Amino acid sequence: MNLALLCEPLPALFPLGGEENDLDAYGPGTLAARLTAYRAGGPFPADWPTADLALLGVDTPYGAEPAGPATGPDAIRRHLYALTTGTGAWNLVDLGNLRPGPTPEDTAHRLAEVVDALLAAHVVPLILGDAHRLTLGQHAGYEYRIAEGPEAADKGLALPVSVRGAVIDSRFDVAEMGPGERTWLRELLLQDPSHLLTLAHLGAQRYHITAPEAIALEKMYFDVLRLGALHADPRVAEPLLRAADWLSIDLSACTHAAVPGAAQPPSPFGLTAEQLCQLTWYAGQSRQLSSVGFYGYRAGPTDPLGLGAATVATAVWYLIEGYYHRPPDTPLDSAAYERLTVPLADSAEANLTFYHHHTSGQWWLLIEPPAAPPHLLPCTEADYHTARSGDVPHRWVQALARS
């Protein structure tokens, strides 16, 4: 696929505190000096299939307020490019901004095509989008990959048969009517056919959620982690993020102080900037995660100092840094994982098998037939101690209910 047909080059960006209107004005050691970018007047990066991660901006013109001097994605880039690179290769490419279609559906389709192409090349898309409904396009890229199954099989390629998603949002966007920002999740859940196996929802605030909405997600055996639980200990989110193929972040889940410029009405409640970065660090460390969307930031008068753009840029930085701290292998492929067996309560024969990676601190629970198809379920040390005390971990029950 010729991605250049779907992307627009970056405009020249003023470096923070600089006067020269060019990426070259960023100092040595910064991300701007390391990555390859689709720049105005330059060629589309031909080496994008060899990158580890790819940035893509998506700024939709449908009913949005007038933008400031820079669009949301470009404002985030100004701060991101100024940050120094971290551990590892930091082999990134910036594909510029997606050319929006005449309708939101057309734009989602174009985004899906780009995501599909990047996934096929094992490049992780990092999407900077102004609207949370763009998650539909992000997910559709996986549906395209699955639909290519027969053709891929002929080429000897293995493709997923299901998709696991994770959303960070203060609300359940499952309204029957209203703007796309309030209905997109309902549309995703009602798609037929759909290969969405499960969904984790993090950061929900109960006073934004109706009882029928809460009941609906509970009946689907989705994992819901409320804001209070994240405030108490953000580490409880790590297994849910590690189990996801894609992550969609509504930046309105953060406090207004953390992300001024978020598209939804400002709120004093939500994730702090530090908590957002901790969550993206966990996500980046997941070998399963293959795309991330940062949605809902819009540059303009609501963020005159660019603090919201700086928060999002730092969260992107932590996700990239986490990527380069991923364990090199899986529990079943390496002696670096400790195998721990716990007898299942009230059973003389059945056991629960856990794996623990001492360096990363990650825990896994092996799900085996006949309970469910064999797979590794991310879990916590607390789940292991729950099993040792004679109780069945709730995470294991949820996995069986979904099978």
Protein backbone atom coordinates (compact mmCIF):
# COMPACT_ATOMS: atom_id res chain seq x y z
CA MET A 1 0.00 0.00 0.00
CA ASN A 2 1.19 3.51 -0.84
CA LEU A 3 0.67 5.26 2.50
CA ALA A 4 1.82 8.54 1.02
CA LEU A 5 -1.57 8.81 -0.72
CA LEU A 6 -3.31 8.80 2.67
CA CYS A 7 -0.97 11.14 4.55
CA GLU A 8 -0.11 14.83 4.45
CA PRO A 9 3.38 16.09 5.28
CA LEU A 10 4.03 17.92 8.52
CA PRO A 11 3.97 21.69 8.47
CA ALA A 12 7.13 23.41 9.66
CA LEU A 13 7.00 23.51 13.45
CA PHE A 14 8.56 26.15 15.68
CA PRO A 15 10.69 24.44 18.31
CA LEU A 16 9.79 25.37 21.86
CA GLY A 17 11.50 28.64 22.66
CA GLY A 18 13.07 28.74 19.20
CA GLU A 19 12.78 31.12 16.30
CA GLU A 20 13.82 28.98 13.35
CA ASN A 21 10.77 27.43 11.75
CA ASP A 22 12.12 23.93 11.11
CA LEU A 23 12.60 20.55 12.77
CA ASP A 24 16.36 20.93 12.32
CA ALA A 25 16.32 23.65 14.98
CA TYR A 26 15.74 21.06 17.70
CA GLY A 27 18.94 20.23 19.53
CA PRO A 28 21.07 17.08 19.29
CA GLY A 29 19.90 14.23 21.48
CA THR A 30 16.23 15.14 21.02
CA LEU A 31 13.66 12.92 19.36
CA ALA A 32 13.45 15.37 16.44
CA ALA A 33 17.10 14.67 15.69
CA ARG A 34 16.51 10.90 15.77
CA LEU A 35 13.30 10.13 13.90
CA THR A 36 12.47 10.17 10.22
CA ALA A 37 9.51 12.43 9.42
CA TYR A 38 7.31 13.18 6.43
CA ARG A 39 8.19 16.84 6.13
CA ALA A 40 6.84 19.59 3.90
CA GLY A 41 8.77 19.57 0.64
CA GLY A 42 10.35 16.20 1.40
CA PRO A 43 9.67 12.60 0.37
CA PHE A 44 7.47 10.19 2.26
CA PRO A 45 9.68 8.00 4.51
CA ALA A 46 10.43 4.94 2.41
CA ASP A 47 11.86 3.10 5.41
CA TRP A 48 8.64 3.11 7.44
CA PRO A 49 8.28 -0.72 7.31
CA THR A 50 11.57 -1.05 9.24
CA ALA A 51 10.53 1.26 12.09
CA ASP A 52 9.42 0.01 15.50
CA LEU A 53 6.73 2.63 16.02
CA ALA A 54 5.02 5.20 13.79
CA LEU A 55 3.38 8.50 14.72
CA LEU A 56 0.26 9.55 12.84
CA GLY A 57 -1.80 12.67 13.43
CA VAL A 58 -5.54 12.77 12.73
CA ASP A 59 -7.23 16.15 12.92
CA THR A 60 -10.87 15.96 11.81
CA PRO A 61 -12.73 19.07 10.60
CA TYR A 62 -16.25 17.95 11.50
CA GLY A 63 -17.87 20.46 13.81
CA ALA A 64 -14.69 21.17 15.74
CA GLU A 65 -13.94 24.57 17.20
CA PRO A 66 -11.46 26.67 15.24
CA ALA A 67 -7.94 25.49 15.91
CA GLY A 68 -5.14 27.62 17.20
CA PRO A 69 -1.78 28.22 15.48
CA ALA A 70 -1.21 24.46 15.39
CA THR A 71 -3.55 21.50 15.32
CA GLY A 72 -3.71 19.19 18.31
CA PRO A 73 -1.35 16.55 16.83
CA ASP A 74 1.18 19.17 15.75
CA ALA A 75 1.05 20.92 19.13
CA ILE A 76 1.81 17.58 20.81
CA ARG A 77 4.68 17.00 18.39
CA ARG A 78 6.34 20.32 19.32
CA HIS A 79 6.69 19.08 22.88
CA LEU A 80 7.44 15.45 22.00
CA TYR A 81 10.22 16.31 19.56
CA ALA A 82 11.93 18.42 22.22
CA LEU A 83 12.25 15.47 24.62
CA THR A 84 15.43 13.43 24.72
CA THR A 85 15.43 9.83 23.58
CA GLY A 86 15.52 7.07 26.18
CA THR A 87 16.60 3.45 26.34
CA GLY A 88 17.04 1.37 23.22
CA ALA A 89 16.97 2.19 19.53
CA TRP A 90 14.02 4.60 19.54
CA ASN A 91 13.50 3.68 15.90
CA LEU A 92 10.51 5.89 15.08
CA VAL A 93 8.97 7.34 11.97
CA ASP A 94 6.45 10.17 11.72
CA LEU A 95 4.03 9.61 8.84
CA GLY A 96 2.59 13.12 9.10
CA ASN A 97 -1.16 13.67 9.34
CA LEU A 98 -3.93 11.56 7.84
CA ARG A 99 -5.83 13.19 5.00
CA PRO A 100 -9.38 13.45 6.39
CA GLY A 101 -12.22 12.12 4.27
CA PRO A 102 -15.42 14.02 3.50
CA THR A 103 -17.22 12.28 6.39
CA PRO A 104 -16.17 10.80 9.75
CA GLU A 105 -16.83 7.34 8.33
CA ASP A 106 -14.47 7.98 5.41
CA THR A 107 -11.76 9.20 7.78
CA ALA A 108 -12.20 6.11 9.98
CA HIS A 109 -11.85 3.93 6.87
CA ARG A 110 -8.62 5.69 5.88
CA LEU A 111 -7.26 5.34 9.40
CA ALA A 112 -8.09 1.62 9.34
CA GLU A 113 -6.14 1.20 6.10
CA VAL A 114 -3.06 2.83 7.62
CA VAL A 115 -3.35 0.78 10.83
CA ASP A 116 -3.75 -2.40 8.77
CA ALA A 117 -0.61 -1.64 6.77
CA LEU A 118 1.43 -0.84 9.87
CA LEU A 119 0.27 -3.98 11.69
CA ALA A 120 1.21 -6.07 8.67
CA ALA A 121 4.74 -4.63 8.89
CA HIS A 122 4.86 -5.14 12.70
CA VAL A 123 5.06 -1.39 13.25
CA VAL A 124 3.16 -0.02 16.27
CA PRO A 125 0.88 2.91 15.30
CA LEU A 126 0.82 5.82 17.77
CA ILE A 127 -2.25 7.84 16.77
CA LEU A 128 -2.66 11.46 17.86
CA GLY A 129 -6.32 12.18 17.15
CA ASP A 130 -8.71 14.97 18.07
CA ALA A 131 -11.81 12.77 18.50
CA HIS A 132 -12.33 9.59 20.53
CA ARG A 133 -14.65 8.16 17.88
CA LEU A 134 -11.53 7.58 15.77
CA THR A 135 -11.13 4.42 17.86
CA LEU A 136 -13.56 2.86 15.37
CA GLY A 137 -10.94 3.27 12.67
CA GLN A 138 -8.17 2.02 14.92
CA HIS A 139 -10.11 -1.16 15.70
CA ALA A 140 -11.21 -1.61 12.09
CA GLY A 141 -7.55 -1.97 11.13
CA TYR A 142 -7.53 -5.24 13.11
CA GLU A 143 -10.76 -6.37 11.49
CA TYR A 144 -9.11 -5.80 8.10
CA ARG A 145 -6.17 -7.94 9.19
CA ILE A 146 -8.46 -10.77 10.26
CA ALA A 147 -10.43 -10.53 7.01
CA GLU A 148 -7.19 -11.07 5.11
CA GLY A 149 -6.87 -14.50 6.75
CA PRO A 150 -7.26 -16.74 3.68
CA GLU A 151 -4.88 -14.65 1.60
CA ALA A 152 -2.36 -14.53 4.43
CA ALA A 153 -2.63 -18.29 4.95
CA ASP A 154 -1.67 -18.83 1.33
CA LYS A 155 1.50 -16.83 2.05
CA GLY A 156 2.23 -18.79 5.21
CA LEU A 157 1.42 -15.85 7.50
CA ALA A 158 -0.39 -16.18 10.84
CA LEU A 159 -3.13 -13.67 11.65
CA PRO A 160 -5.13 -13.14 14.84
CA VAL A 161 -8.65 -14.54 15.05
CA SER A 162 -9.83 -12.18 17.78
CA VAL A 163 -9.05 -8.74 19.17
CA ARG A 164 -8.75 -7.49 22.73
CA GLY A 165 -9.20 -3.80 23.43
CA ALA A 166 -8.62 -1.43 26.33
CA VAL A 167 -10.14 2.03 26.83
CA ILE A 168 -9.15 4.75 29.27
CA ASP A 169 -12.17 7.03 29.65
CA SER A 170 -14.28 8.63 32.36
CA ARG A 171 -17.51 7.50 30.65
CA PHE A 172 -19.01 4.55 28.81
CA ASP A 173 -19.63 5.98 25.33
CA VAL A 174 -22.62 3.71 24.66
CA ALA A 175 -25.43 6.26 24.26
CA GLU A 176 -28.10 5.33 21.71
CA MET A 177 -28.26 8.86 20.30
CA GLY A 178 -26.08 11.93 20.31
CA PRO A 179 -22.68 13.00 19.00
CA GLY A 180 -20.20 10.38 17.91
CA GLU A 181 -18.10 10.96 21.01
CA ARG A 182 -20.98 9.54 23.09
CA THR A 183 -22.08 6.68 20.80
CA TRP A 184 -18.92 5.22 19.24
CA LEU A 185 -18.44 2.42 21.79
CA ARG A 186 -22.02 1.24 21.35
CA GLU A 187 -21.44 1.15 17.60
CA LEU A 188 -18.29 -0.89 18.11
CA LEU A 189 -19.97 -3.40 20.43
CA LEU A 190 -22.91 -3.88 18.05
CA GLN A 191 -20.83 -4.54 14.96
CA ASP A 192 -21.68 -7.81 13.21
CA PRO A 193 -19.52 -9.63 12.50
CA SER A 194 -17.16 -8.57 15.25
CA HIS A 195 -13.94 -10.13 16.43
CA LEU A 196 -13.70 -8.06 19.62
CA LEU A 197 -13.21 -10.80 22.21
CA THR A 198 -13.06 -8.61 25.30
CA LEU A 199 -12.69 -5.04 26.44
CA ALA A 200 -11.13 -3.48 29.52
CA HIS A 201 -12.45 -0.06 30.58
CA LEU A 202 -10.24 1.97 32.91
CA GLY A 203 -10.87 5.26 34.72
CA ALA A 204 -14.67 5.20 34.76
CA GLN A 205 -16.33 7.77 37.02
CA ARG A 206 -19.60 6.42 38.42
CA TYR A 207 -21.45 9.76 38.33
CA HIS A 208 -20.99 9.82 34.54
CA ILE A 209 -22.46 6.32 34.06
CA THR A 210 -26.10 5.24 34.09
CA ALA A 211 -27.16 2.01 35.77
CA PRO A 212 -28.20 0.35 32.45
CA GLU A 213 -24.78 1.17 31.00
CA ALA A 214 -23.01 -0.42 33.96
CA ILE A 215 -25.22 -3.51 33.81
CA ALA A 216 -24.67 -3.91 30.06
CA LEU A 217 -20.88 -4.04 30.36
CA GLU A 218 -21.10 -6.36 33.34
CA LYS A 219 -23.25 -8.81 31.36
CA MET A 220 -20.60 -8.84 28.64
CA TYR A 221 -17.99 -9.84 31.24
CA PHE A 222 -15.84 -6.84 30.44
CA ASP A 223 -13.27 -5.67 32.96
CA VAL A 224 -14.16 -2.29 34.46
CA LEU A 225 -11.66 -0.46 36.66
CA ARG A 226 -12.99 2.72 38.21
CA LEU A 227 -11.07 5.89 38.82
CA GLY A 228 -10.95 5.32 42.58
CA ALA A 229 -9.16 2.01 42.13
CA LEU A 230 -6.56 3.67 39.88
CA HIS A 231 -6.02 6.43 42.40
CA ALA A 232 -5.54 3.86 45.16
CA ASP A 233 -2.98 1.84 43.18
CA PRO A 234 -2.35 2.35 39.43
CA ARG A 235 -0.60 -1.03 39.33
CA VAL A 236 -3.99 -2.81 39.26
CA ALA A 237 -4.33 -1.61 35.64
CA GLU A 238 -1.14 -3.29 34.45
CA PRO A 239 -2.56 -6.78 33.71
CA LEU A 240 -5.54 -5.31 31.85
CA LEU A 241 -3.27 -3.19 29.67
CA ARG A 242 -0.95 -6.16 29.11
CA ALA A 243 -3.86 -8.25 27.81
CA ALA A 244 -4.94 -5.72 25.15
CA ASP A 245 -4.11 -5.60 21.45
CA TRP A 246 -5.09 -1.95 21.18
CA LEU A 247 -5.40 0.90 23.66
CA SER A 248 -7.63 3.94 23.18
CA ILE A 249 -7.16 6.89 25.54
CA ASP A 250 -9.75 9.65 25.88
CA LEU A 251 -7.68 12.49 27.32
CA SER A 252 -10.82 13.83 28.99
CA ALA A 253 -10.28 11.04 31.51
CA CYS A 254 -7.59 13.30 32.99
CA THR A 255 -8.14 16.30 35.22
CA HIS A 256 -8.34 19.68 33.53
CA ALA A 257 -5.13 20.62 35.34
CA ALA A 258 -3.37 17.67 33.68
CA VAL A 259 -4.74 18.13 30.14
CA PRO A 260 -6.23 21.56 29.48
CA GLY A 261 -7.45 21.49 25.91
CA ALA A 262 -9.22 18.14 26.18
CA ALA A 263 -12.23 18.05 23.89
CA GLN A 264 -14.82 17.31 26.59
CA PRO A 265 -15.94 19.81 29.28
CA PRO A 266 -13.18 20.43 31.85
CA SER A 267 -13.37 18.55 35.13
CA PRO A 268 -11.44 18.79 38.41
CA PHE A 269 -11.59 14.99 38.67
CA GLY A 270 -9.71 12.34 36.75
CA LEU A 271 -6.26 10.94 36.21
CA THR A 272 -3.27 13.09 37.06
CA ALA A 273 -0.51 13.65 34.53
CA GLU A 274 1.74 11.30 36.50
CA GLN A 275 -0.90 8.55 36.55
CA LEU A 276 -1.47 8.84 32.80
CA CYS A 277 2.26 8.41 32.20
CA GLN A 278 2.38 5.42 34.54
CA LEU A 279 -0.44 3.76 32.59
CA THR A 280 1.23 4.37 29.24
CA TRP A 281 4.47 2.97 30.66
CA TYR A 282 2.64 -0.23 31.58
CA ALA A 283 1.03 -0.35 28.15
CA GLY A 284 4.33 0.12 26.35
CA GLN A 285 5.84 -2.85 28.21
CA SER A 286 3.15 -5.21 26.88
CA ARG A 287 4.29 -7.58 24.15
CA GLN A 288 0.63 -7.96 23.18
CA LEU A 289 -0.12 -4.27 22.57
CA SER A 290 0.23 -3.29 18.92
CA SER A 291 -1.46 0.14 18.60
CA VAL A 292 -2.30 3.11 20.81
CA GLY A 293 -4.56 6.10 20.23
CA PHE A 294 -4.31 9.37 22.18
CA TYR A 295 -7.62 11.10 21.48
CA GLY A 296 -9.38 14.32 22.32
CA TYR A 297 -6.69 17.00 22.62
CA ARG A 298 -7.31 20.20 20.68
CA ALA A 299 -4.87 23.08 20.63
CA GLY A 300 -6.31 26.53 21.09
CA PRO A 301 -7.39 29.11 23.65
CA THR A 302 -8.35 26.48 26.26
CA ASP A 303 -4.66 25.54 26.54
CA PRO A 304 -2.79 28.84 26.14
CA LEU A 305 0.43 27.58 27.73
CA GLY A 306 0.45 24.23 25.93
CA LEU A 307 0.43 22.27 29.19
CA GLY A 308 -2.06 19.72 27.85
CA ALA A 309 0.12 19.10 24.80
CA ALA A 310 3.13 18.69 27.10
CA THR A 311 1.27 16.09 29.21
CA VAL A 312 0.25 14.05 26.17
CA ALA A 313 3.76 14.27 24.70
CA THR A 314 5.24 12.99 27.95
CA ALA A 315 2.70 10.13 28.06
CA VAL A 316 3.73 9.18 24.51
CA TRP A 317 7.39 9.30 25.62
CA TYR A 318 6.70 6.88 28.47
CA LEU A 319 4.86 4.52 26.15
CA ILE A 320 7.82 4.45 23.76
CA GLU A 321 10.24 3.97 26.64
CA GLY A 322 8.08 1.11 27.93
CA TYR A 323 8.20 -0.47 24.48
CA TYR A 324 11.96 -0.75 24.75
CA HIS A 325 11.63 -2.42 28.16
CA ARG A 326 9.44 -5.27 26.92
CA PRO A 327 10.51 -8.74 28.06
CA PRO A 328 12.24 -10.41 25.11
CA ASP A 329 10.21 -13.61 25.31
CA THR A 330 7.01 -15.17 26.64
CA PRO A 331 6.57 -17.34 29.76
CA LEU A 332 6.30 -20.55 27.75
CA ASP A 333 9.47 -19.82 25.78
CA SER A 334 11.97 -18.85 28.42
CA ALA A 335 13.59 -20.11 31.59
CA ALA A 336 13.59 -16.52 32.86
CA TYR A 337 10.04 -17.10 34.14
CA GLU A 338 9.44 -18.95 37.39
CA ARG A 339 6.67 -21.56 37.15
CA LEU A 340 4.45 -21.85 40.24
CA THR A 341 1.70 -24.44 40.68
CA VAL A 342 -1.18 -24.01 43.14
CA PRO A 343 -3.75 -26.80 43.77
CA LEU A 344 -7.23 -25.66 42.83
CA ALA A 345 -9.56 -25.47 45.81
CA ASP A 346 -11.85 -28.50 46.30
CA SER A 347 -9.98 -30.50 43.67
CA ALA A 348 -7.49 -33.27 44.20
CA GLU A 349 -6.21 -33.16 40.62
CA ALA A 350 -6.68 -29.70 39.08
CA ASN A 351 -4.07 -26.99 39.53
CA LEU A 352 -3.61 -23.33 38.69
CA THR A 353 -0.30 -22.59 37.00
CA PHE A 354 1.32 -19.17 37.39
CA TYR A 355 4.41 -17.69 35.74
CA HIS A 356 6.47 -14.87 37.21
CA HIS A 357 9.15 -12.78 35.51
CA HIS A 358 11.53 -11.51 38.19
CA THR A 359 12.99 -8.65 36.16
CA SER A 360 9.74 -7.07 34.93
CA GLY A 361 7.62 -8.23 37.86
CA GLN A 362 4.92 -9.47 35.47
CA TRP A 363 2.65 -12.36 36.46
CA TRP A 364 0.69 -14.71 34.19
CA LEU A 365 -1.98 -17.35 34.80
CA LEU A 366 -2.19 -20.32 32.44
CA ILE A 367 -5.73 -21.09 31.29
CA GLU A 368 -6.02 -24.71 30.17
CA PRO A 369 -8.64 -27.05 28.70
CA PRO A 370 -11.26 -28.18 29.42
CA ALA A 371 -12.02 -24.90 31.21
CA ALA A 372 -11.18 -22.79 28.13
CA PRO A 373 -8.88 -22.81 25.10
CA PRO A 374 -5.27 -22.69 26.27
CA HIS A 375 -3.83 -19.20 26.69
CA LEU A 376 -1.86 -17.07 29.10
CA LEU A 377 -3.84 -14.55 31.11
CA PRO A 378 -1.99 -11.52 32.56
CA CYS A 379 -2.55 -11.31 36.31
CA THR A 380 -1.03 -9.93 39.49
CA GLU A 381 0.89 -11.29 42.45
CA ALA A 382 -2.29 -10.75 44.47
CA ASP A 383 -4.05 -13.30 42.23
CA TYR A 384 -1.34 -15.83 43.06
CA HIS A 385 -1.73 -15.25 46.79
CA THR A 386 -5.52 -15.47 46.43
CA ALA A 387 -5.12 -18.92 44.87
CA ARG A 388 -2.68 -19.99 47.58
CA SER A 389 -5.21 -18.99 50.23
CA GLY A 390 -7.72 -21.41 48.69
CA ASP A 391 -9.86 -18.94 46.73
CA VAL A 392 -10.29 -18.82 42.96
CA PRO A 393 -9.04 -15.50 41.50
CA HIS A 394 -11.85 -13.37 40.06
CA ARG A 395 -9.73 -12.84 36.94
CA TRP A 396 -9.78 -16.59 36.27
CA VAL A 397 -13.59 -16.71 36.69
CA GLN A 398 -14.00 -13.80 34.26
CA ALA A 399 -11.81 -15.54 31.68
CA LEU A 400 -13.91 -18.70 31.87
CA ALA A 401 -17.15 -16.74 31.60
CA ARG A 402 -15.92 -15.13 28.38
CA SER A 403 -14.82 -18.40 26.79
